[in-house]
Amino acid sequence: MEVKCPRCGRTYSKVIPPKCVCGEELEITYDYSIVDVKRWSGRNRGVWRYRELLPDVRKVISMREGGTPLFKAKLGEELNLNIFIKDETRNPTGSFKDRFVTVAVSYGLPYAENGFIVASDGNSAASLAAYAA
């Protein structure tokens, strides 16, 4: 994984800021040639199954998020379409936000001397509180 600024070309590896020092949003590119998809099938379901595509972390903070079931919707039969519903309520805090927060907390923990802050009045705050506890 390479994190690079498209404007000035600066790259980041250890601490990845929200934006480049020049103010531009950062882009992440992957070297998919180093990813062995066959290894994924032997791993537990969930976000960290795909760890080669996630930031390097010292310690994974996980509550077994991800790997939620996919259900075929009956409405699809009536409309002659293949419609599926992903049940993200099966995540630890009942929200799809857990997928992001496990990565954010795992990555940010070594740098979070005073904890974490999130601007949210909903699922993001509940998820962050659970993972940062």
C-alpha atoms as a PDB file:
ATOM      1  CA  MET A   1       0.000   0.000   0.000  1.00  0.00           C
ATOM      2  CA  GLU A   2       1.357   3.404  -0.927  1.00  0.00           C
ATOM      3  CA  VAL A   3      -0.098   6.662   0.344  1.00  0.00           C
ATOM      4  CA  LYS A   4       0.800   9.562  -1.915  1.00  0.00           C
ATOM      5  CA  CYS A   5      -0.239  13.142  -2.579  1.00  0.00           C
ATOM      6  CA  PRO A   6      -1.374  13.608  -6.195  1.00  0.00           C
ATOM      7  CA  ARG A   7      -0.447  17.312  -6.084  1.00  0.00           C
ATOM      8  CA  CYS A   8       3.076  17.438  -4.647  1.00  0.00           C
ATOM      9  CA  GLY A   9       4.063  13.756  -4.813  1.00  0.00           C
ATOM     10  CA  ARG A  10       4.925  13.412  -1.120  1.00  0.00           C
ATOM     11  CA  THR A  11       4.544   9.852   0.197  1.00  0.00           C
ATOM     12  CA  TYR A  12       3.556   8.695   3.667  1.00  0.00           C
ATOM     13  CA  SER A  13       4.205   5.368   5.318  1.00  0.00           C
ATOM     14  CA  LYS A  14       4.231   5.383   9.125  1.00  0.00           C
ATOM     15  CA  VAL A  15       1.865   8.134  10.250  1.00  0.00           C
ATOM     16  CA  ILE A  16      -0.785   8.872   7.637  1.00  0.00           C
ATOM     17  CA  PRO A  17      -2.371  12.297   8.160  1.00  0.00           C
ATOM     18  CA  PRO A  18      -5.904  13.136   6.987  1.00  0.00           C
ATOM     19  CA  LYS A  19      -4.423  15.418   4.318  1.00  0.00           C
ATOM     20  CA  CYS A  20      -1.011  16.148   2.840  1.00  0.00           C
ATOM     21  CA  VAL A  21       1.010  19.034   4.262  1.00  0.00           C
ATOM     22  CA  CYS A  22       0.182  20.892   1.029  1.00  0.00           C
ATOM     23  CA  GLY A  23      -3.558  20.555   1.822  1.00  0.00           C
ATOM     24  CA  GLU A  24      -4.441  17.984  -0.839  1.00  0.00           C
ATOM     25  CA  GLU A  25      -6.410  14.799  -0.120  1.00  0.00           C
ATOM     26  CA  LEU A  26      -4.181  11.730  -0.168  1.00  0.00           C
ATOM     27  CA  GLU A  27      -4.540   8.790  -2.548  1.00  0.00           C
ATOM     28  CA  ILE A  28      -3.924   5.172  -1.655  1.00  0.00           C
ATOM     29  CA  THR A  29      -2.685   2.736  -4.276  1.00  0.00           C
ATOM     30  CA  TYR A  30      -2.192  -0.977  -3.886  1.00  0.00           C
ATOM     31  CA  ASP A  31       0.186  -3.441  -5.469  1.00  0.00           C
ATOM     32  CA  TYR A  32      -2.349  -6.156  -6.158  1.00  0.00           C
ATOM     33  CA  SER A  33       0.353  -8.449  -7.535  1.00  0.00           C
ATOM     34  CA  ILE A  34       1.546  -9.172  -3.978  1.00  0.00           C
ATOM     35  CA  VAL A  35      -1.927 -10.179  -2.804  1.00  0.00           C
ATOM     36  CA  ASP A  36      -2.575 -13.921  -2.812  1.00  0.00           C
ATOM     37  CA  VAL A  37      -6.359 -14.142  -2.936  1.00  0.00           C
ATOM     38  CA  LYS A  38      -6.221 -17.910  -2.354  1.00  0.00           C
ATOM     39  CA  ARG A  39      -4.965 -17.287   1.191  1.00  0.00           C
ATOM     40  CA  TRP A  40      -8.138 -15.360   2.038  1.00  0.00           C
ATOM     41  CA  SER A  41     -10.334 -18.448   1.739  1.00  0.00           C
ATOM     42  CA  GLY A  42      -8.528 -20.097   4.656  1.00  0.00           C
ATOM     43  CA  ARG A  43      -8.954 -17.148   7.000  1.00  0.00           C
ATOM     44  CA  ASN A  44     -11.737 -16.169   9.373  1.00  0.00           C
ATOM     45  CA  ARG A  45     -14.521 -14.087   7.874  1.00  0.00           C
ATOM     46  CA  GLY A  46     -14.408 -10.368   8.527  1.00  0.00           C
ATOM     47  CA  VAL A  47     -12.516  -7.178   7.799  1.00  0.00           C
ATOM     48  CA  TRP A  48      -9.056  -8.419   8.810  1.00  0.00           C
ATOM     49  CA  ARG A  49      -9.297 -11.316   6.400  1.00  0.00           C
ATOM     50  CA  TYR A  50      -8.103  -8.793   3.801  1.00  0.00           C
ATOM     51  CA  ARG A  51      -5.262  -7.381   5.927  1.00  0.00           C
ATOM     52  CA  GLU A  52      -2.910  -7.022   2.951  1.00  0.00           C
ATOM     53  CA  LEU A  53      -5.193  -4.248   1.706  1.00  0.00           C
ATOM     54  CA  LEU A  54      -5.347  -2.449   5.066  1.00  0.00           C
ATOM     55  CA  PRO A  55      -2.802  -0.199   6.799  1.00  0.00           C
ATOM     56  CA  ASP A  56      -0.055  -1.943   8.750  1.00  0.00           C
ATOM     57  CA  VAL A  57      -0.950  -2.059  12.425  1.00  0.00           C
ATOM     58  CA  ARG A  58       0.962  -3.139  15.513  1.00  0.00           C
ATOM     59  CA  LYS A  59      -2.077  -4.717  17.153  1.00  0.00           C
ATOM     60  CA  VAL A  60      -5.470  -5.521  15.681  1.00  0.00           C
ATOM     61  CA  ILE A  61      -8.388  -4.247  17.770  1.00  0.00           C
ATOM     62  CA  SER A  62     -11.279  -6.419  16.676  1.00  0.00           C
ATOM     63  CA  MET A  63     -14.626  -7.596  17.972  1.00  0.00           C
ATOM     64  CA  ARG A  64     -15.143  -9.979  15.020  1.00  0.00           C
ATOM     65  CA  GLU A  65     -16.779  -7.365  12.807  1.00  0.00           C
ATOM     66  CA  GLY A  66     -17.584  -8.022   9.185  1.00  0.00           C
ATOM     67  CA  GLY A  67     -18.510 -11.329   7.661  1.00  0.00           C
ATOM     68  CA  THR A  68     -22.158 -10.401   8.025  1.00  0.00           C
ATOM     69  CA  PRO A  69     -24.739 -12.498   6.161  1.00  0.00           C
ATOM     70  CA  LEU A  70     -26.161 -11.717   2.759  1.00  0.00           C
ATOM     71  CA  PHE A  71     -29.832 -12.533   2.204  1.00  0.00           C
ATOM     72  CA  LYS A  72     -31.678 -12.813  -1.081  1.00  0.00           C
ATOM     73  CA  ALA A  73     -34.563 -10.315  -1.046  1.00  0.00           C
ATOM     74  CA  LYS A  74     -38.042 -11.594  -1.865  1.00  0.00           C
ATOM     75  CA  LEU A  75     -38.716  -8.312  -3.652  1.00  0.00           C
ATOM     76  CA  GLY A  76     -36.154  -9.356  -6.249  1.00  0.00           C
ATOM     77  CA  GLU A  77     -38.278 -12.347  -7.227  1.00  0.00           C
ATOM     78  CA  GLU A  78     -41.282 -10.086  -7.807  1.00  0.00           C
ATOM     79  CA  LEU A  79     -39.206  -7.698  -9.931  1.00  0.00           C
ATOM     80  CA  ASN A  80     -37.276 -10.500 -11.645  1.00  0.00           C
ATOM     81  CA  LEU A  81     -34.002  -9.114 -10.283  1.00  0.00           C
ATOM     82  CA  ASN A  82     -31.244 -10.523  -8.117  1.00  0.00           C
ATOM     83  CA  ILE A  83     -31.480  -8.298  -5.044  1.00  0.00           C
ATOM     84  CA  PHE A  84     -29.501  -9.087  -1.920  1.00  0.00           C
ATOM     85  CA  ILE A  85     -29.520  -7.449   1.507  1.00  0.00           C
ATOM     86  CA  LYS A  86     -26.381  -7.291   3.647  1.00  0.00           C
ATOM     87  CA  ASP A  87     -27.329  -7.543   7.321  1.00  0.00           C
ATOM     88  CA  GLU A  88     -24.841  -5.188   8.964  1.00  0.00           C
ATOM     89  CA  THR A  89     -26.837  -5.222  12.207  1.00  0.00           C
ATOM     90  CA  ARG A  90     -24.906  -8.411  13.010  1.00  0.00           C
ATOM     91  CA  ASN A  91     -21.751  -6.356  13.617  1.00  0.00           C
ATOM     92  CA  PRO A  92     -20.710  -5.897  17.277  1.00  0.00           C
ATOM     93  CA  THR A  93     -22.342  -2.478  17.708  1.00  0.00           C
ATOM     94  CA  GLY A  94     -25.099  -3.154  15.182  1.00  0.00           C
ATOM     95  CA  SER A  95     -23.635  -0.864  12.528  1.00  0.00           C
ATOM     96  CA  PHE A  96     -21.588  -1.048   9.344  1.00  0.00           C
ATOM     97  CA  LYS A  97     -19.379   1.635  10.943  1.00  0.00           C
ATOM     98  CA  ASP A  98     -17.589  -1.139  12.867  1.00  0.00           C
ATOM     99  CA  ARG A  99     -15.827  -2.116   9.627  1.00  0.00           C
ATOM    100  CA  PHE A 100     -14.083   1.256   9.455  1.00  0.00           C
ATOM    101  CA  VAL A 101     -13.599   1.759  13.178  1.00  0.00           C
ATOM    102  CA  THR A 102     -11.708  -1.499  13.707  1.00  0.00           C
ATOM    103  CA  VAL A 103      -9.123  -0.287  11.187  1.00  0.00           C
ATOM    104  CA  ALA A 104      -9.070   3.306  12.468  1.00  0.00           C
ATOM    105  CA  VAL A 105      -8.572   2.314  16.108  1.00  0.00           C
ATOM    106  CA  SER A 106      -6.058  -0.424  15.301  1.00  0.00           C
ATOM    107  CA  TYR A 107      -4.030   1.996  13.191  1.00  0.00           C
ATOM    108  CA  GLY A 108      -4.437   5.030  15.438  1.00  0.00           C
ATOM    109  CA  LEU A 109      -3.912   3.444  18.844  1.00  0.00           C
ATOM    110  CA  PRO A 110      -0.124   3.980  18.978  1.00  0.00           C
ATOM    111  CA  TYR A 111      -0.655   7.688  18.203  1.00  0.00           C
ATOM    112  CA  ALA A 112      -3.704   8.303  20.417  1.00  0.00           C
ATOM    113  CA  GLU A 113      -2.045   9.511  23.609  1.00  0.00           C
ATOM    114  CA  ASN A 114      -5.244  11.140  24.864  1.00  0.00           C
ATOM    115  CA  GLY A 115      -7.789   8.837  23.241  1.00  0.00           C
ATOM    116  CA  PHE A 116      -9.972   9.316  20.190  1.00  0.00           C
ATOM    117  CA  ILE A 117     -12.430  12.022  19.170  1.00  0.00           C
ATOM    118  CA  VAL A 118     -15.282  11.693  16.718  1.00  0.00           C
ATOM    119  CA  ALA A 119     -17.923  14.191  15.615  1.00  0.00           C
ATOM    120  CA  SER A 120     -21.024  12.033  15.625  1.00  0.00           C
ATOM    121  CA  ASP A 121     -24.358  11.708  17.332  1.00  0.00           C
ATOM    122  CA  GLY A 122     -24.949   8.187  16.130  1.00  0.00           C
ATOM    123  CA  ASN A 123     -23.374   4.965  15.017  1.00  0.00           C
ATOM    124  CA  SER A 124     -19.832   6.288  14.566  1.00  0.00           C
ATOM    125  CA  ALA A 125     -19.685   7.465  18.167  1.00  0.00           C
ATOM    126  CA  ALA A 126     -21.120   4.215  19.514  1.00  0.00           C
ATOM    127  CA  SER A 127     -18.710   2.164  17.456  1.00  0.00           C
ATOM    128  CA  LEU A 128     -15.670   4.233  18.420  1.00  0.00           C
ATOM    129  CA  ALA A 129     -16.616   4.088  22.093  1.00  0.00           C
ATOM    130  CA  ALA A 130     -16.835   0.301  21.925  1.00  0.00           C
ATOM    131  CA  TYR A 131     -13.542  -0.200  20.084  1.00  0.00           C
ATOM    132  CA  ALA A 132     -11.583   2.383  22.067  1.00  0.00           C
ATOM    133  CA  ALA A 133     -12.753   1.039  25.445  1.00  0.00           C
END
